Protein backbone atom coordinates (compact mmCIF):
# COMPACT_ATOMS: atom_id res chain seq x y z
CA MET A 1 190.73 65.13 135.22
CA VAL A 2 188.14 63.40 137.41
CA ASP A 3 187.06 66.75 138.83
CA ILE A 4 186.71 68.23 135.34
CA LEU A 5 184.63 65.29 134.09
CA GLY A 6 182.46 65.46 137.18
CA LEU A 7 181.82 69.14 136.61
CA LEU A 8 180.94 68.53 132.97
CA PHE A 9 178.51 65.71 133.84
CA ALA A 10 176.88 67.90 136.48
CA CYS A 11 176.47 70.70 133.94
CA LEU A 12 175.02 68.27 131.39
CA PHE A 13 172.49 67.02 133.97
CA LEU A 14 171.48 70.57 134.86
CA MET A 15 171.18 71.44 131.19
CA ALA A 16 168.98 68.39 130.47
CA THR A 17 166.71 69.31 133.38
CA PHE A 18 166.60 72.92 132.20
CA GLY A 19 165.85 71.85 128.62
CA LEU A 20 162.92 69.64 129.64
CA SER A 21 161.48 72.44 131.75
CA VAL A 22 161.79 74.88 128.84
CA LEU A 23 160.02 72.46 126.49
CA LEU A 24 157.13 72.01 128.92
CA LEU A 25 156.72 75.76 129.35
CA ALA A 26 157.08 76.34 125.63
CA THR A 27 154.36 73.84 124.77
CA VAL A 28 151.89 75.88 126.80
CA ARG A 29 153.15 79.20 125.41
CA TRP A 30 152.94 78.19 121.72
CA ARG A 31 149.39 76.91 121.91
CA GLY A 32 147.34 78.85 119.37
CA GLN A 33 150.30 80.73 117.84
CA THR A 34 150.70 80.70 114.04
CA GLY A 35 153.80 82.85 113.73
CA GLN A 36 152.40 84.65 110.68
CA GLY A 37 154.06 88.03 110.09
CA LEU A 38 156.71 87.44 112.77
CA VAL A 39 160.36 86.72 111.91
CA GLN A 40 163.05 85.88 114.44
CA VAL A 41 166.62 87.09 113.74
CA VAL A 42 169.30 85.39 115.84
CA VAL A 43 172.96 86.29 116.29
CA LEU A 44 175.15 84.86 119.05
CA GLY A 45 177.07 88.12 119.35
CA ASP A 46 176.61 91.84 119.97
CA ALA A 47 173.48 92.56 117.95
CA GLY A 48 174.40 96.21 117.48
CA ARG A 49 177.71 95.19 115.88
CA SER A 50 176.15 92.69 113.45
CA PRO A 51 175.36 94.97 110.49
CA ARG A 52 174.26 92.32 108.00
CA MET A 53 171.68 90.95 110.45
CA LEU A 54 170.51 94.49 111.26
CA TYR A 55 170.03 95.09 107.53
CA HIS A 56 167.88 91.94 107.38
CA CYS A 57 165.80 93.43 110.21
CA LEU A 58 165.54 96.79 108.48
CA SER A 59 164.32 95.23 105.23
CA LEU A 60 161.72 93.19 107.11
CA VAL A 61 160.52 96.19 109.14
CA GLN A 62 160.10 98.25 105.97
CA LEU A 63 157.74 95.55 104.69
CA SER A 64 155.69 95.66 107.95
CA TYR A 65 156.99 92.41 109.45
CA THR A 66 157.39 92.18 113.22
CA ILE A 67 160.90 91.24 114.33
CA ASP A 68 162.24 89.45 117.39
CA LEU A 69 165.97 90.18 117.38
CA ILE A 70 167.90 87.85 119.69
CA GLY A 71 171.50 88.64 120.57
CA TYR A 72 173.80 90.13 123.17
CA GLY A 73 173.51 93.76 124.22
CA GLY A 74 176.37 96.21 124.32
CA SER A 75 176.11 98.42 121.25
CA PRO A 76 172.95 100.38 120.38
CA LEU A 77 170.93 99.38 117.34
CA ILE A 78 170.74 101.70 114.33
CA ARG A 79 168.22 104.49 114.78
CA GLU A 80 165.80 103.28 112.09
CA LEU A 81 165.29 100.05 114.04
CA ARG A 82 165.10 101.71 117.45
CA GLU A 83 162.36 104.03 116.20
CA SER A 84 160.44 101.54 114.05
CA GLY A 85 158.15 100.21 116.78
CA ARG A 86 158.17 96.80 115.06
CA LEU A 87 161.31 95.30 116.60
CA THR A 88 161.88 93.75 120.02
CA HIS A 89 165.45 93.05 121.13
CA THR A 90 165.71 90.04 123.45
CA VAL A 91 169.10 90.21 125.14
CA LEU A 92 170.93 86.93 125.74
CA TRP A 93 172.64 86.19 129.06
CA SER A 94 176.35 86.90 128.83
CA PRO A 95 178.62 84.00 129.94
CA PRO A 96 179.93 84.61 133.49
CA ALA A 97 183.41 86.09 133.77
CA LEU A 98 184.56 83.26 136.07
CA LEU A 99 184.77 80.99 132.99
CA ASP A 100 187.74 83.01 131.72
CA GLY A 101 190.06 81.55 134.35
CA LEU A 102 189.36 77.90 133.48
CA PRO A 103 191.47 75.63 131.23
CA ARG A 104 190.72 76.26 127.54
CA ILE A 105 188.89 72.99 126.76
CA LEU A 106 186.75 73.25 129.88
CA ARG A 107 186.09 76.93 129.18
CA TYR A 108 184.89 76.16 125.65
CA ALA A 109 182.61 73.36 126.86
CA LEU A 110 181.03 75.29 129.73
CA LYS A 111 180.60 78.41 127.62
CA ALA A 112 178.79 76.38 124.95
CA LEU A 113 176.51 74.83 127.59
CA TYR A 114 175.72 78.24 129.07
CA GLN A 115 175.00 79.70 125.63
CA THR A 116 172.78 76.74 124.81
CA MET A 117 170.61 77.38 127.86
CA SER A 118 170.48 81.11 127.11
CA LEU A 119 169.43 80.50 123.50
CA LEU A 120 166.83 77.88 124.46
CA TRP A 121 165.23 80.26 126.92
CA ALA A 122 165.26 83.16 124.46
CA VAL A 123 163.85 81.31 121.45
CA LEU A 124 161.37 79.03 123.21
CA ILE A 125 160.12 81.03 126.20
CA ALA A 126 161.00 84.72 126.00
CA THR A 127 159.69 85.17 122.45
CA LYS A 128 156.66 84.15 120.42
CA LYS A 129 156.64 81.51 117.70
CA PRO A 130 157.86 82.96 114.36
CA SER A 131 157.09 81.78 110.85
CA HIS A 132 160.80 82.00 109.93
CA VAL A 133 164.09 82.17 111.78
CA LEU A 134 167.09 83.93 110.25
CA VAL A 135 170.29 82.95 112.06
CA GLN A 136 173.86 84.16 111.60
CA THR A 137 176.78 81.77 111.53
CA PRO A 138 179.52 81.84 112.77
CA PRO A 139 179.47 81.28 115.62
CA ALA A 140 178.12 77.88 114.71
CA ILE A 141 178.45 76.25 118.16
CA PRO A 142 175.95 75.99 119.76
CA THR A 143 173.82 78.28 117.57
CA LEU A 144 173.06 75.94 114.68
CA ALA A 145 172.16 72.89 116.78
CA VAL A 146 169.89 74.91 119.09
CA MET A 147 168.09 76.60 116.21
CA VAL A 148 167.65 73.33 114.29
CA LEU A 149 166.06 71.83 117.42
CA ALA A 150 163.89 74.88 118.13
CA CYS A 151 162.60 75.11 114.56
CA ALA A 152 161.87 71.40 114.43
CA ILE A 153 159.79 71.66 117.61
CA ARG A 154 157.93 74.83 116.65
CA GLY A 155 157.51 74.19 112.95
CA SER A 156 159.31 77.40 111.98
CA LYS A 157 161.44 77.59 108.82
CA LEU A 158 165.17 77.99 109.43
CA ILE A 159 167.25 80.22 107.13
CA VAL A 160 170.98 80.15 107.89
CA ASP A 161 173.12 83.08 106.77
CA TYR A 162 176.71 81.86 106.38
CA HIS A 163 179.18 84.72 106.81
CA ASN A 164 182.11 82.27 107.07
CA TYR A 165 182.82 78.87 108.63
CA GLY A 166 183.12 78.56 112.39
CA HIS A 167 185.78 75.86 112.24
CA THR A 168 188.15 77.97 110.12
CA ILE A 169 187.95 80.80 112.66
CA LEU A 170 188.63 78.35 115.50
CA ALA A 171 191.63 77.07 113.54
CA LEU A 172 193.25 80.52 113.73
CA SER A 173 194.01 79.92 117.40
CA LEU A 174 194.10 76.10 117.60
CA GLY A 175 195.44 74.99 114.21
CA ARG A 176 193.54 73.16 111.46
CA LYS A 177 194.34 69.66 112.75
CA HIS A 178 193.28 70.23 116.35
CA THR A 179 190.60 67.80 117.57
CA LEU A 180 188.17 70.61 118.43
CA VAL A 181 188.55 72.08 114.95
CA LEU A 182 187.87 68.71 113.31
CA LEU A 183 184.83 68.21 115.55
CA ALA A 184 183.57 71.71 114.72
CA LYS A 185 183.95 70.96 111.00
CA TRP A 186 181.96 67.72 111.37
CA TYR A 187 179.31 69.55 113.43
CA GLU A 188 178.84 72.22 110.74
CA LYS A 189 178.39 69.58 108.08
CA LEU A 190 175.92 67.65 110.25
CA THR A 191 173.71 70.66 111.01
CA ALA A 192 173.83 72.11 107.48
CA GLY A 193 171.27 69.69 106.07
CA PHE A 194 168.43 70.69 108.42
CA SER A 195 167.81 74.26 107.23
CA PHE A 196 164.97 75.38 105.00
CA ALA A 197 167.36 77.64 103.03
CA ASN A 198 170.95 78.90 103.19
CA LEU A 199 172.46 82.28 102.33
CA CYS A 200 176.13 82.99 101.79
CA VAL A 201 178.32 85.99 100.96
CA SER A 202 180.26 84.96 97.84
CA GLU A 203 180.18 82.70 94.79
CA ALA A 204 183.31 80.99 96.11
CA MET A 205 181.49 80.12 99.35
CA LYS A 206 178.44 78.89 97.45
CA LYS A 207 180.60 76.42 95.50
CA ASP A 208 182.46 75.31 98.61
CA MET A 209 179.26 74.76 100.60
CA ARG A 210 177.98 72.51 97.83
CA ARG A 211 181.26 70.55 97.89
CA SER A 212 182.10 70.40 101.60
CA LEU A 213 178.66 70.63 103.28
CA GLY A 214 176.54 69.07 100.57
CA VAL A 215 173.98 71.90 100.59
CA ARG A 216 172.77 74.50 98.14
CA SER A 217 172.89 78.17 99.01
CA ILE A 218 171.91 81.57 97.63
CA VAL A 219 174.54 84.26 97.23
CA LEU A 220 173.41 87.45 98.94
CA TYR A 221 176.24 89.90 98.42
CA ASP A 222 176.72 92.46 101.14
CA ARG A 223 175.61 95.89 99.99
CA PRO A 224 175.27 98.96 102.21
CA PRO A 225 172.00 100.82 102.77
CA ALA A 226 171.55 104.35 101.44
CA ARG A 227 172.95 106.00 104.59
CA PHE A 228 176.43 105.12 103.30
CA HIS A 229 177.36 107.83 100.79
CA GLN A 230 180.03 110.43 100.15
CA ALA A 231 179.65 113.17 102.76
CA THR A 232 179.11 116.79 101.76
CA VAL A 233 181.55 119.43 102.99
CA GLU A 234 178.96 120.65 105.50
CA GLN A 235 178.41 117.12 106.83
CA ARG A 236 182.17 116.68 107.24
CA HIS A 237 182.43 120.02 109.00
CA GLN A 238 179.69 119.19 111.49
CA LEU A 239 181.11 115.70 112.11
CA PHE A 240 184.63 116.95 112.81
CA LEU A 241 183.35 119.82 114.96
CA ARG A 242 181.42 117.33 117.06
CA LEU A 243 184.35 114.91 117.34
CA SER A 244 186.84 117.68 118.09
CA GLU A 245 185.05 118.37 121.38
CA SER A 246 186.54 115.14 122.77
CA GLU A 247 189.30 114.28 120.26
CA ALA A 248 192.03 116.90 119.85
CA VAL A 249 193.29 115.26 116.66
CA PHE A 250 190.32 116.73 114.74
CA ARG A 251 190.77 120.33 115.97
CA GLY A 252 192.00 122.95 113.54
CA GLU A 253 194.35 125.83 114.25
CA GLY A 254 192.59 129.18 114.47
CA GLY A 255 189.11 127.67 114.64
CA GLY A 256 187.21 125.20 112.52
CA THR A 257 188.54 121.66 112.23
CA ARG A 258 191.67 120.05 110.87
CA PHE A 259 189.85 119.42 107.58
CA THR A 260 187.35 122.27 107.28
CA ARG A 261 186.86 125.93 108.08
CA GLU A 262 184.07 128.50 107.75
CA VAL A 263 184.02 131.43 105.31
CA ASN A 264 181.49 134.08 104.26
CA GLY A 265 179.46 133.98 107.44
CA GLY A 266 179.46 130.26 108.13
CA VAL A 267 179.86 128.43 104.80
CA ALA A 268 182.01 125.31 105.30
CA VAL A 269 184.93 124.73 102.92
CA LEU A 270 187.76 122.20 102.85
CA ARG A 271 191.17 123.37 104.05
CA ARG A 272 193.88 123.22 101.41
CA ASP A 273 196.41 122.25 104.10
CA ARG A 274 194.30 119.38 105.42
CA PRO A 275 195.95 115.98 105.97
CA PHE A 276 195.35 112.97 103.73
CA PHE A 277 192.57 111.11 105.55
CA LEU A 278 193.19 107.35 105.72
CA ILE A 279 190.64 105.12 107.47
CA SER A 280 190.42 101.47 108.44
CA SER A 281 187.67 99.72 110.38
CA THR A 282 188.22 96.51 112.31
CA SER A 283 186.92 94.14 114.97
CA TRP A 284 190.52 93.78 116.23
CA THR A 285 190.65 90.00 115.79
CA GLU A 286 193.30 87.51 114.69
CA ASP A 287 192.21 87.52 111.04
CA GLU A 288 193.49 91.11 110.66
CA ASP A 289 197.20 91.88 111.01
CA PHE A 290 197.47 95.59 111.75
CA GLY A 291 201.23 95.22 111.97
CA ILE A 292 201.13 95.41 108.16
CA LEU A 293 199.56 98.88 108.24
CA LEU A 294 201.94 100.11 110.94
CA GLN A 295 204.97 98.92 108.97
CA ALA A 296 203.63 100.56 105.80
CA LEU A 297 203.16 103.86 107.62
CA GLU A 298 206.71 103.60 108.95
CA ILE A 299 207.99 103.34 105.39
CA TYR A 300 205.78 106.28 104.37
CA GLU A 301 207.20 108.31 107.26
CA GLY A 302 210.72 107.62 106.01
CA LYS A 303 209.78 108.62 102.44
CA CYS A 304 208.39 111.95 103.65
CA SER A 305 211.81 112.93 104.99
CA GLN A 306 213.49 112.03 101.66
CA VAL A 307 211.27 113.89 99.17
CA PRO A 308 210.84 117.65 98.60
CA ASP A 309 208.86 119.33 101.33
CA GLY A 310 205.12 119.14 100.73
CA SER A 311 205.07 116.65 97.87
CA LEU A 312 203.78 113.96 100.24
CA PRO A 313 200.99 115.07 102.57
CA HIS A 314 200.69 114.44 106.28
CA ILE A 315 198.53 111.34 106.86
CA LEU A 316 195.86 111.15 109.54
CA CYS A 317 195.02 107.46 109.93
CA VAL A 318 191.83 106.71 111.87
CA ILE A 319 191.14 103.12 112.93
CA THR A 320 187.61 102.44 114.14
CA GLY A 321 186.19 99.47 116.02
CA LYS A 322 186.22 97.40 119.20
CA GLY A 323 187.76 94.00 119.82
CA PRO A 324 190.17 91.83 121.82
CA LEU A 325 193.42 92.95 120.15
CA ARG A 326 192.76 96.70 120.27
CA GLU A 327 194.82 97.29 123.42
CA HIS A 328 197.76 95.32 121.98
CA TYR A 329 197.91 97.45 118.84
CA GLU A 330 197.34 100.69 120.75
CA GLN A 331 200.49 99.87 122.73
CA CYS A 332 202.35 99.29 119.44
CA ILE A 333 201.07 102.63 118.07
CA ALA A 334 202.14 104.48 121.24
CA LYS A 335 205.75 103.41 120.63
CA LYS A 336 205.88 105.05 117.19
CA ASN A 337 207.60 108.42 116.89
CA PHE A 338 206.03 109.80 113.72
CA SER A 339 206.26 113.38 112.43
CA HIS A 340 204.34 113.01 109.17
CA VAL A 341 201.76 110.43 110.27
CA THR A 342 199.14 110.58 113.04
CA ILE A 343 197.27 107.43 114.07
CA LYS A 344 194.07 107.57 116.11
CA THR A 345 191.95 104.64 117.32
CA ILE A 346 188.33 105.52 117.94
CA TRP A 347 184.88 104.02 118.44
CA LEU A 348 182.09 105.64 116.42
CA SER A 349 178.34 105.49 116.79
CA ALA A 350 176.22 103.80 114.13
CA GLU A 351 175.22 107.26 112.89
CA ASP A 352 178.75 108.72 112.74
CA TYR A 353 180.46 105.71 111.14
CA PRO A 354 178.96 106.20 107.64
CA LEU A 355 179.75 109.93 107.81
CA MET A 356 183.37 109.17 108.73
CA LEU A 357 183.76 106.78 105.79
CA GLY A 358 182.14 109.34 103.50
CA SER A 359 184.64 111.98 104.66
CA ALA A 360 187.82 109.96 104.09
CA ASP A 361 190.21 109.95 101.11
CA LEU A 362 191.22 106.27 101.15
CA GLY A 363 190.23 103.10 103.01
CA VAL A 364 192.52 100.25 104.05
CA CYS A 365 191.28 96.71 104.67
CA LEU A 366 193.44 94.12 106.44
CA HIS A 367 190.77 91.42 106.69
CA LYS A 368 192.22 88.14 105.49
CA SER A 369 189.47 85.54 105.43
CA SER A 370 190.07 82.48 107.64
CA SER A 371 188.38 80.36 104.97
CA GLY A 372 189.29 82.42 101.93
CA LEU A 373 185.58 82.47 101.09
CA ASP A 374 184.00 85.50 102.78
CA LEU A 375 184.20 89.10 101.61
CA PRO A 376 184.99 91.95 104.04
CA MET A 377 181.91 94.00 104.83
CA LYS A 378 184.10 96.96 105.76
CA VAL A 379 185.05 97.25 102.06
CA VAL A 380 181.36 97.11 101.13
CA ASP A 381 180.66 100.01 103.51
CA MET A 382 183.59 101.98 102.08
CA PHE A 383 182.52 101.40 98.50
CA GLY A 384 178.98 102.44 99.40
CA SER A 385 180.49 105.69 100.70
CA GLY A 386 182.33 106.24 97.42
CA LEU A 387 185.67 105.49 99.09
CA PRO A 388 188.43 103.67 97.14
CA VAL A 389 190.19 100.91 99.08
CA CYS A 390 193.58 99.25 99.37
CA ALA A 391 192.95 95.69 100.57
CA ILE A 392 195.14 92.72 101.44
CA ASN A 393 194.79 89.97 98.88
CA PHE A 394 193.04 86.60 99.35
CA ASN A 395 191.27 84.03 97.19
CA CYS A 396 187.86 85.51 96.37
CA LEU A 397 188.49 89.23 96.92
CA HIS A 398 188.17 89.82 93.16
CA GLU A 399 184.39 89.30 93.53
CA LEU A 400 184.33 92.69 95.29
CA LEU A 401 187.52 94.67 94.62
CA ARG A 402 188.92 94.98 91.10
CA HIS A 403 192.61 95.85 91.10
CA HIS A 404 193.28 99.24 89.43
CA HIS A 405 189.53 99.80 88.94
CA ASN A 406 187.97 100.65 92.32
CA GLY A 407 191.07 100.21 94.45
CA LEU A 408 194.30 98.30 94.83
CA VAL A 409 195.28 94.89 96.18
CA PHE A 410 198.48 94.37 98.18
CA ASN A 411 200.28 91.31 99.54
CA ASP A 412 202.58 92.83 102.16
CA HIS A 413 203.48 96.05 103.95
CA GLN A 414 205.95 97.15 101.27
CA GLU A 415 203.30 97.04 98.53
CA LEU A 416 200.87 98.93 100.78
CA ALA A 417 203.50 101.60 101.49
CA GLU A 418 204.09 102.09 97.75
CA GLN A 419 200.34 102.38 97.15
CA LEU A 420 199.92 104.98 99.92
CA GLN A 421 202.73 107.04 98.41
CA THR A 422 201.36 106.76 94.86
CA LEU A 423 197.76 107.59 95.76
CA SER A 424 198.54 110.51 98.08
CA THR A 425 201.16 112.26 95.92
CA GLY A 426 199.80 115.62 94.72
CA PHE A 427 197.07 115.75 97.38
CA PRO A 428 194.63 117.46 97.47
CA ASP A 429 194.40 118.66 93.85
CA GLN A 430 196.29 116.17 91.69
CA CYS A 431 195.30 112.67 92.88
CA ASN A 432 194.00 111.61 89.49
CA GLN A 433 194.25 107.88 90.13
CA LEU A 434 192.25 108.19 93.34
CA VAL A 435 189.61 110.31 91.60
CA ARG A 436 189.26 107.70 88.85
CA TYR A 437 188.76 104.88 91.38
CA ARG A 438 186.10 106.95 93.13
CA GLU A 439 184.26 107.59 89.86
CA ASN A 440 184.35 103.87 89.05
CA LEU A 441 182.40 103.14 92.24
CA SER A 442 179.23 104.78 90.94
CA SER A 443 177.89 101.50 89.51
CA PHE A 444 178.45 99.75 92.87
CA GLN A 445 176.60 102.55 94.68
CA SER A 446 173.62 102.33 92.34
CA LEU A 447 172.58 98.87 93.63
CA ARG A 448 171.92 98.84 97.36
CA TRP A 449 171.11 96.17 99.96
CA ASP A 450 167.33 96.33 99.46
CA HIS A 451 167.62 95.49 95.76
CA TYR A 452 169.43 92.20 96.41
CA TRP A 453 167.43 91.40 99.58
CA LYS A 454 164.08 91.64 97.81
CA LEU A 455 165.44 89.59 94.94
CA HIS A 456 166.90 86.72 97.00
CA VAL A 457 165.52 86.71 100.56
CA LEU A 458 161.97 88.03 100.35
CA PRO A 459 160.77 85.06 98.21
CA LEU A 460 161.90 82.73 101.04
CA ILE A 461 159.79 84.57 103.62
CA ALA A 462 156.80 86.04 101.81
CA PRO A 463 153.75 83.71 101.69
CA GLN A 464 153.10 82.15 98.32
CA SER A 465 150.11 83.67 96.52
């Protein structure tokens, strides 16, 4: 214990010295800077895998703002941002791997200290002074405290975009009554009052923030940009041809792909014997239980052997994404001995992901909010692609998914299995319920991200006339 405390005090001393040095350098660097026309967007995560923050950047770029995007590297940014010429990506220092072997409490503390220094350097030295800072939370520690301090020093306006609460995510692994969780909850309440404005993702979260944090917020519903849409047959054909070069599961017998083929000198058409295409996207974290989907597919497999041949189609289930639990579930999938179901995990580029959603027949969402207050963005992307969804139920899901209107809600694997059987029966020509859900999504698709962003966020950033 003495050694651990000594190490912590040493780190705190180094951090204080580092912080004072940064402030001295920053004072010189900011001299004469107004920040006009420059917005800083901060995410303490892989910037390329933070779609909502990238959409903020895209909306700002389209209005000729200059953007300093601060976040970790790893995944490429969407092409529109890479080619805009108005965005600079400042990459944060990744915490050293040696922290992984330390006791949990010490690991959390040292990681937070390291991230604090990385953020201070990025926002105060590596980038110019902005007029506004848009920051994503969670993670809240140390992001919120650092950005409150930085904005207070520079005179920039802080806008916090609440996707969820950090303490409820921490509680998934530690329990709600753990000391660290209680401290994180207090910390979020303390820092909440220092922002210029707050955004959130649902009406339920807006009400809870007023009650539990004592702050007002603006609901900015997630909506996908126009690149999410139902794919044409030709777009599907080209996508599956490209993927089939490395993924055998997409290859068709006798040429073409498993879903499409060419006729009349190269015209792409859908195969009548194609599988029912089920898709789910995930970050492979603890708030998504993919055991539910695997159990549902097991039940479906059993049903296929009990019904007349061909009345239930073969299912190809594609699961996209990266994350800590991916390897665990891939091992579970490898143990399955399915004849009527194929499961494939895959990572897609930012350009191919919308095309894949737009090519599918049904989406499945297993996101169960840690707070019960955030809405799954994966469902937003699917709806934008005209894709009906089966989603696991939680408190505020009705703000996005309407049961028996644009999809179905389930509570366990048995309900999901029944829904898969109901919606796929008669595929591909007689899935009337699925067709109706898809048609009901047209109103959702008519209002895109830019509409809501200009309505709610632009007035916070644009100078008053």
